Amino acid sequence: MRRVLILLFGLLSAPAAAQMTVYPALDPAAGTRTVTVYSSLDEPLARPMIDAFRARNRDVAVAYEDMQTADIYERIVRETDAGQPTADFAFSSSMDLQMKLANDGYAQPSLVPLSQSWPRWANWRDTAYALTYEPAVFIYNRPAFAASGPPATRGELLDYLEANRDAVFGRIGTYDIERSGVGFMFFSRDQEQYSDLWTLVGAMGAAGVKLYSTTSAIVDRVASGQFVFGYNILGSYAAEMAARHPDLGIVLPRDYTIVTSRIGLVPAAAADAALGRLLLDFFMSAEGQAIMAEKLQIAALNPAVTGDNTANAMQLALGNQLRPVPVSPGLMVYLDQVKRARLIKRWNDALRQQ
């Protein structure tokens, strides 16, 4: 089996082995094929999807490689440029890097039954598909806000931090945008949507905000009460934790709620593109999307899926409050290293202001 090199985000260096799990075909035979997946979705979370896909396609095995988002991009580029086969399906929460793969010719068009009916903003040239609907949320420790209720807008959060700076010092968490791809994307969208953003960043810095590269590190601390508040947190992970920890509260910001998606694509150099499209079709299907909504706590995008944890339900309830990030070349703006470095410098400067 192919192995993976793990490369630090943005640096593309220091190789290390990735996590690969092989799920055998349920009906093994001489003609059994294996679909290879590079994915940023943690393997334990992905397991219900993989099991259901195997149940539908009993002669197909799945080699699932659990990777960081930058590593997915780097490996597909490296293998393709070397004339080697690569993954059959790539599934990543880094919308910008997935879009760059598609835009630069490292992904192939994949017409599947739902291509034409998929939301237009979620389908770029039948090549890169948004497959999930995941809001960036505020999270809070319920006992810490029992008397007053949590901030529900960025303006309210700014007021709260200015009024309670000493009391909450060191107990606010958010992503480190230098190390977290999804954190950087959320923040770059904030810059476009919220005119007082830099004042808010300064207030978080004055309150001793703690920065993390992973969602779980922040969610765990808020759920336990070590932190009182988390800003711009990937909602699917927060919802999964909140189902098990009643002290964890979630707010979809009322001023605007950024919605991100995990993008699926079939690489141009896929070893078996037909199998990649078969898996893409399953991820888009009502069955696959319902599993994501019910078992993974990741909101379904397929309009045929019903229930509260769907894009349709959220849109009916919240309307224009939701700001989904479209799958388009505009995602690549901050992959320009000069623009990226400039934004990160301003972020660090604002955090240090006292």
Protein backbone atom coordinates (compact mmCIF):
# COMPACT_ATOMS: atom_id res chain seq x y z
CA MET A 1 0.00 0.00 0.00
CA ARG A 2 1.09 3.55 -0.67
CA ARG A 3 2.29 5.51 2.34
CA VAL A 4 2.04 9.22 3.01
CA LEU A 5 4.44 11.96 4.01
CA ILE A 6 3.13 14.34 6.64
CA LEU A 7 4.32 17.89 6.06
CA LEU A 8 3.85 20.79 8.40
CA PHE A 9 1.18 23.20 7.20
CA GLY A 10 2.65 25.89 4.99
CA LEU A 11 6.22 24.59 5.30
CA LEU A 12 6.02 21.37 3.29
CA SER A 13 8.90 19.75 5.16
CA ALA A 14 9.73 17.15 7.84
CA PRO A 15 8.13 13.94 6.50
CA ALA A 16 6.35 11.47 8.80
CA ALA A 17 3.97 8.56 8.27
CA ALA A 18 0.25 9.29 7.95
CA GLN A 19 -2.55 7.20 9.38
CA MET A 20 -3.93 4.68 6.91
CA THR A 21 -6.74 2.21 7.59
CA VAL A 22 -7.69 -0.50 5.11
CA TYR A 23 -11.31 -1.67 5.12
CA PRO A 24 -11.58 -4.99 3.23
CA ALA A 25 -14.31 -5.71 0.73
CA LEU A 26 -17.33 -7.37 2.32
CA ASP A 27 -17.51 -9.88 -0.55
CA PRO A 28 -13.86 -10.43 -1.49
CA ALA A 29 -13.20 -12.01 -4.84
CA ALA A 30 -10.48 -12.15 -7.45
CA GLY A 31 -11.85 -8.99 -9.03
CA THR A 32 -11.95 -6.93 -5.83
CA ARG A 33 -10.84 -3.34 -6.31
CA THR A 34 -9.61 -0.81 -3.76
CA VAL A 35 -10.60 2.85 -3.68
CA THR A 36 -7.89 5.02 -2.12
CA VAL A 37 -9.02 8.08 -0.17
CA TYR A 38 -6.97 11.03 1.09
CA SER A 39 -9.11 12.78 3.70
CA SER A 40 -8.84 15.33 6.49
CA LEU A 41 -11.90 13.86 8.24
CA ASP A 42 -10.69 11.86 11.25
CA GLU A 43 -10.92 8.15 10.46
CA PRO A 44 -13.12 7.26 13.47
CA LEU A 45 -15.64 9.88 12.36
CA ALA A 46 -15.51 8.67 8.77
CA ARG A 47 -16.15 5.04 9.67
CA PRO A 48 -19.98 5.10 9.37
CA MET A 49 -19.67 6.56 5.87
CA ILE A 50 -17.09 3.98 4.84
CA ASP A 51 -19.10 1.09 6.25
CA ALA A 52 -22.24 2.21 4.42
CA PHE A 53 -20.34 2.64 1.14
CA ARG A 54 -18.90 -0.87 1.49
CA ALA A 55 -22.35 -2.27 2.22
CA ARG A 56 -23.60 -0.74 -1.05
CA ASN A 57 -20.48 -1.83 -3.00
CA ARG A 58 -19.57 -5.14 -1.44
CA ASP A 59 -16.73 -5.94 -3.85
CA VAL A 60 -14.85 -2.69 -3.10
CA ALA A 61 -12.23 -2.26 -0.39
CA VAL A 62 -11.36 1.18 1.01
CA ALA A 63 -7.85 2.40 1.83
CA TYR A 64 -8.50 5.48 3.96
CA GLU A 65 -5.57 7.81 4.63
CA ASP A 66 -6.25 10.31 7.42
CA MET A 67 -4.13 13.37 6.62
CA GLN A 68 -3.69 17.05 7.30
CA THR A 69 -5.22 19.32 4.66
CA ALA A 70 -1.90 20.68 3.38
CA ASP A 71 -0.54 17.16 3.09
CA ILE A 72 -3.45 16.10 0.88
CA TYR A 73 -2.67 18.96 -1.49
CA GLU A 74 1.09 18.39 -1.47
CA ARG A 75 0.89 14.66 -2.00
CA ILE A 76 -1.53 14.85 -4.93
CA VAL A 77 0.66 17.48 -6.61
CA ARG A 78 3.88 15.55 -5.96
CA GLU A 79 2.55 12.20 -7.15
CA THR A 80 0.87 13.69 -10.21
CA ASP A 81 3.96 15.65 -11.23
CA ALA A 82 6.06 12.50 -10.85
CA GLY A 83 3.78 10.62 -13.24
CA GLN A 84 2.54 8.35 -10.45
CA PRO A 85 -1.04 7.38 -9.59
CA THR A 86 -2.55 9.19 -6.64
CA ALA A 87 -5.76 9.00 -4.59
CA ASP A 88 -9.02 8.11 -6.27
CA PHE A 89 -10.93 10.56 -4.07
CA ALA A 90 -9.79 13.56 -2.01
CA PHE A 91 -11.99 14.99 0.74
CA SER A 92 -10.72 18.03 2.62
CA SER A 93 -11.91 20.91 4.79
CA SER A 94 -9.30 23.22 3.24
CA MET A 95 -11.50 24.76 0.57
CA ASP A 96 -8.72 26.95 -0.81
CA LEU A 97 -6.22 24.11 -1.37
CA GLN A 98 -8.89 21.85 -2.88
CA MET A 99 -9.91 24.66 -5.21
CA LYS A 100 -6.27 25.18 -6.21
CA LEU A 101 -5.99 21.50 -7.11
CA ALA A 102 -9.08 21.81 -9.32
CA ASN A 103 -8.05 25.13 -10.85
CA ASP A 104 -4.50 23.99 -11.62
CA GLY A 105 -5.52 20.80 -13.42
CA TYR A 106 -4.88 18.29 -10.64
CA ALA A 107 -8.55 17.23 -10.55
CA GLN A 108 -10.76 15.87 -13.30
CA PRO A 109 -14.40 16.62 -14.15
CA SER A 110 -16.70 14.07 -12.54
CA LEU A 111 -20.26 13.93 -13.74
CA VAL A 112 -22.39 11.99 -11.27
CA PRO A 113 -26.19 11.69 -11.08
CA LEU A 114 -26.60 14.72 -8.78
CA SER A 115 -24.18 17.04 -10.59
CA GLN A 116 -26.81 19.10 -12.39
CA SER A 117 -29.09 19.53 -9.37
CA TRP A 118 -26.34 20.31 -6.86
CA PRO A 119 -26.40 23.94 -5.56
CA ARG A 120 -24.59 26.15 -8.05
CA TRP A 121 -22.38 27.75 -5.42
CA ALA A 122 -21.29 24.24 -4.32
CA ASN A 123 -20.21 22.90 -7.72
CA TRP A 124 -17.27 24.27 -9.70
CA ARG A 125 -17.29 22.93 -13.27
CA ASP A 126 -18.39 19.46 -12.13
CA THR A 127 -14.87 19.10 -10.74
CA ALA A 128 -14.85 20.40 -7.15
CA TYR A 129 -17.96 19.78 -5.05
CA ALA A 130 -18.89 21.18 -1.65
CA LEU A 131 -20.30 18.19 0.19
CA THR A 132 -21.07 19.59 3.64
CA TYR A 133 -22.58 22.70 5.23
CA GLU A 134 -20.65 23.66 8.35
CA PRO A 135 -21.15 26.98 10.16
CA ALA A 136 -18.46 28.79 12.12
CA VAL A 137 -19.98 29.18 15.57
CA PHE A 138 -19.38 30.70 18.98
CA ILE A 139 -19.11 28.14 21.76
CA TYR A 140 -19.44 28.87 25.46
CA ASN A 141 -19.45 27.21 28.85
CA ARG A 142 -23.08 27.29 30.00
CA PRO A 143 -22.41 27.64 33.76
CA ALA A 144 -20.14 30.62 33.07
CA PHE A 145 -23.03 32.47 31.39
CA ALA A 146 -25.89 31.23 33.58
CA ALA A 147 -26.70 34.75 34.79
CA SER A 148 -26.48 36.76 31.59
CA GLY A 149 -26.40 34.59 28.47
CA PRO A 150 -23.51 34.50 25.98
CA PRO A 151 -22.62 37.09 23.33
CA ALA A 152 -24.56 36.43 20.14
CA THR A 153 -22.85 38.89 17.77
CA ARG A 154 -19.29 40.08 17.30
CA GLY A 155 -20.27 43.47 18.68
CA GLU A 156 -21.65 41.84 21.82
CA LEU A 157 -18.47 39.77 22.13
CA LEU A 158 -16.36 42.92 21.87
CA ASP A 159 -18.41 44.59 24.62
CA TYR A 160 -18.16 41.47 26.79
CA LEU A 161 -14.37 41.26 26.44
CA GLU A 162 -13.87 44.93 27.21
CA ALA A 163 -16.11 44.71 30.30
CA ASN A 164 -14.72 41.40 31.62
CA ARG A 165 -11.10 41.40 30.46
CA ASP A 166 -9.56 40.59 33.84
CA ALA A 167 -12.21 38.07 34.86
CA VAL A 168 -11.83 35.99 31.68
CA PHE A 169 -8.11 36.52 31.08
CA GLY A 170 -6.60 33.40 29.50
CA ARG A 171 -10.01 31.70 29.21
CA ILE A 172 -10.90 32.59 25.59
CA GLY A 173 -9.87 30.34 22.70
CA THR A 174 -9.75 30.54 18.93
CA TYR A 175 -7.70 29.16 16.03
CA ASP A 176 -4.10 30.09 15.39
CA ILE A 177 -4.51 31.36 11.85
CA GLU A 178 -0.83 30.68 11.12
CA ARG A 179 -1.29 26.94 11.73
CA SER A 180 -4.98 26.27 11.09
CA GLY A 181 -6.20 26.34 7.51
CA VAL A 182 -9.88 26.51 8.46
CA GLY A 183 -9.10 29.17 11.07
CA PHE A 184 -7.33 31.28 8.46
CA MET A 185 -10.24 30.95 6.05
CA PHE A 186 -12.79 31.95 8.69
CA PHE A 187 -10.71 34.95 9.65
CA SER A 188 -10.16 36.09 6.06
CA ARG A 189 -13.95 36.02 5.60
CA ASP A 190 -14.37 38.00 8.82
CA GLN A 191 -12.17 40.68 7.32
CA GLU A 192 -14.63 41.01 4.44
CA GLN A 193 -17.77 40.98 6.61
CA TYR A 194 -17.00 42.82 9.86
CA SER A 195 -15.72 46.41 9.82
CA ASP A 196 -14.62 46.43 13.48
CA LEU A 197 -12.68 43.18 13.24
CA TRP A 198 -9.31 44.54 14.27
CA THR A 199 -10.76 46.12 17.40
CA LEU A 200 -12.19 42.70 18.29
CA VAL A 201 -8.83 41.00 17.68
CA GLY A 202 -7.17 43.57 19.91
CA ALA A 203 -9.75 42.91 22.64
CA MET A 204 -9.12 39.16 22.38
CA GLY A 205 -5.40 39.79 22.69
CA ALA A 206 -5.92 41.99 25.76
CA ALA A 207 -8.01 39.18 27.27
CA GLY A 208 -5.14 36.72 26.83
CA VAL A 209 -6.74 34.68 24.07
CA LYS A 210 -5.25 31.20 23.64
CA LEU A 211 -4.56 29.99 20.10
CA TYR A 212 -4.80 26.41 18.84
CA SER A 213 -4.39 24.60 15.53
CA THR A 214 -7.14 22.05 16.22
CA THR A 215 -10.83 22.39 16.96
CA SER A 216 -10.85 19.70 19.64
CA ALA A 217 -8.33 21.55 21.79
CA ILE A 218 -10.66 24.54 22.08
CA VAL A 219 -13.93 22.61 22.34
CA ASP A 220 -12.59 20.34 25.09
CA ARG A 221 -11.50 23.31 27.20
CA VAL A 222 -14.79 25.16 26.85
CA ALA A 223 -16.81 22.04 27.63
CA SER A 224 -14.75 21.43 30.79
CA GLY A 225 -15.02 25.03 32.02
CA GLN A 226 -11.30 25.74 31.69
CA PHE A 227 -12.32 28.27 29.02
CA VAL A 228 -15.52 30.28 28.97
CA PHE A 229 -15.72 31.07 25.24
CA GLY A 230 -14.48 29.95 21.82
CA TYR A 231 -14.58 32.12 18.70
CA ASN A 232 -15.13 30.98 15.08
CA ILE A 233 -15.25 27.27 15.86
CA LEU A 234 -16.11 24.65 13.25
CA GLY A 235 -19.71 23.85 14.11
CA SER A 236 -19.74 20.14 13.25
CA TYR A 237 -17.11 19.30 15.85
CA ALA A 238 -18.80 21.52 18.41
CA ALA A 239 -22.18 19.84 17.79
CA GLU A 240 -20.70 16.37 18.19
CA MET A 241 -19.14 17.37 21.54
CA ALA A 242 -22.27 19.23 22.73
CA ALA A 243 -24.31 16.05 22.24
CA ARG A 244 -22.14 14.44 24.93
CA HIS A 245 -21.38 17.44 27.17
CA PRO A 246 -24.42 19.47 28.30
CA ASP A 247 -22.23 22.29 29.64
CA LEU A 248 -21.13 23.16 26.11
CA GLY A 249 -23.34 25.77 24.43
CA ILE A 250 -23.36 26.80 20.77
CA VAL A 251 -24.36 30.12 19.18
CA LEU A 252 -24.73 30.77 15.45
CA PRO A 253 -23.65 34.44 15.38
CA ARG A 254 -26.67 36.64 14.65
CA ASP A 255 -24.75 39.33 12.75
CA TYR A 256 -23.54 36.77 10.19
CA THR A 257 -22.57 33.12 10.24
CA ILE A 258 -19.84 31.97 7.88
CA VAL A 259 -20.55 28.53 6.43
CA THR A 260 -17.69 26.45 5.15
CA SER A 261 -17.72 23.11 3.34
CA ARG A 262 -15.54 20.09 2.85
CA ILE A 263 -14.73 19.71 -0.82
CA GLY A 264 -14.61 16.38 -2.60
CA LEU A 265 -12.88 15.78 -5.93
CA VAL A 266 -11.41 13.06 -8.10
CA PRO A 267 -7.72 13.74 -8.85
CA ALA A 268 -6.61 13.86 -12.48
CA ALA A 269 -4.05 11.13 -11.78
CA ALA A 270 -6.43 8.90 -9.82
CA ALA A 271 -5.42 5.25 -9.97
CA ASP A 272 -9.08 4.33 -10.54
CA ALA A 273 -11.18 7.40 -11.38
CA ALA A 274 -14.34 5.31 -11.78
CA LEU A 275 -14.06 4.22 -8.15
CA GLY A 276 -13.38 7.80 -7.11
CA ARG A 277 -16.58 8.92 -8.83
CA LEU A 278 -18.45 6.03 -7.21
CA LEU A 279 -17.40 7.29 -3.78
CA LEU A 280 -18.16 10.91 -4.73
CA ASP A 281 -21.63 9.81 -5.82
CA PHE A 282 -22.16 8.12 -2.45
CA PHE A 283 -20.98 11.20 -0.52
CA MET A 284 -23.55 13.26 -2.45
CA SER A 285 -26.37 10.74 -2.19
CA ALA A 286 -29.27 11.10 0.23
CA GLU A 287 -28.04 7.99 2.06
CA GLY A 288 -24.50 9.28 2.49
CA GLN A 289 -25.61 12.78 3.41
CA ALA A 290 -28.11 11.45 5.97
CA ILE A 291 -25.31 9.46 7.62
CA MET A 292 -23.20 12.62 7.81
CA ALA A 293 -26.06 14.56 9.37
CA GLU A 294 -27.18 11.89 11.84
CA LYS A 295 -23.98 10.10 12.83
CA LEU A 296 -21.20 12.60 12.12
CA GLN A 297 -23.17 15.72 13.12
CA ILE A 298 -22.12 17.36 9.84
CA ALA A 299 -25.03 19.18 8.20
CA ALA A 300 -26.28 17.66 4.95
CA LEU A 301 -26.27 19.68 1.74
CA ASN A 302 -28.42 17.31 -0.31
CA PRO A 303 -31.96 18.85 -0.35
CA ALA A 304 -33.56 15.40 -0.21
CA VAL A 305 -32.29 14.90 3.35
CA THR A 306 -34.73 16.09 6.00
CA GLY A 307 -34.27 17.10 9.62
CA ASP A 308 -32.75 19.98 11.56
CA ASN A 309 -29.13 19.20 10.67
CA THR A 310 -29.43 20.16 7.01
CA ALA A 311 -28.64 23.18 4.87
CA ASN A 312 -32.33 23.50 3.99
CA ALA A 313 -33.41 23.67 7.65
CA MET A 314 -30.71 26.20 8.51
CA GLN A 315 -31.56 28.39 5.54
CA LEU A 316 -35.27 28.36 6.40
CA ALA A 317 -34.53 29.31 10.00
CA LEU A 318 -31.71 31.83 9.48
CA GLY A 319 -31.92 33.10 5.89
CA ASN A 320 -29.39 35.78 5.03
CA GLN A 321 -27.63 35.37 8.35
CA LEU A 322 -25.83 32.43 6.73
CA ARG A 323 -22.90 33.26 4.44
CA PRO A 324 -21.76 30.08 2.66
CA VAL A 325 -18.32 30.23 1.08
CA PRO A 326 -18.76 29.53 -2.65
CA VAL A 327 -16.59 27.00 -4.45
CA SER A 328 -14.76 29.29 -6.84
CA PRO A 329 -11.25 30.53 -7.70
CA GLY A 330 -11.86 33.40 -5.26
CA LEU A 331 -10.93 30.93 -2.52
CA MET A 332 -7.31 31.12 -3.63
CA VAL A 333 -6.78 34.82 -2.90
CA TYR A 334 -4.94 34.24 0.37
CA LEU A 335 -2.80 31.44 -1.01
CA ASP A 336 -0.71 34.32 -2.37
CA GLN A 337 2.13 34.25 0.15
CA VAL A 338 2.57 38.02 0.24
CA LYS A 339 -1.12 38.63 1.01
CA ARG A 340 -1.13 35.79 3.51
CA ALA A 341 1.96 37.07 5.32
CA ARG A 342 0.55 40.58 5.42
CA LEU A 343 -2.72 39.42 7.00
CA ILE A 344 -0.94 37.23 9.56
CA LYS A 345 1.38 40.09 10.53
CA ARG A 346 -1.56 42.40 11.10
CA TRP A 347 -3.26 39.67 13.16
CA ASN A 348 -0.19 39.23 15.37
CA ASP A 349 0.28 42.96 15.75
CA ALA A 350 -3.37 43.41 16.81
CA LEU A 351 -3.15 40.57 19.34
CA ARG A 352 -0.11 42.17 20.96
CA GLN A 353 -1.74 45.56 21.40
CA GLN A 354 -2.50 46.25 25.05
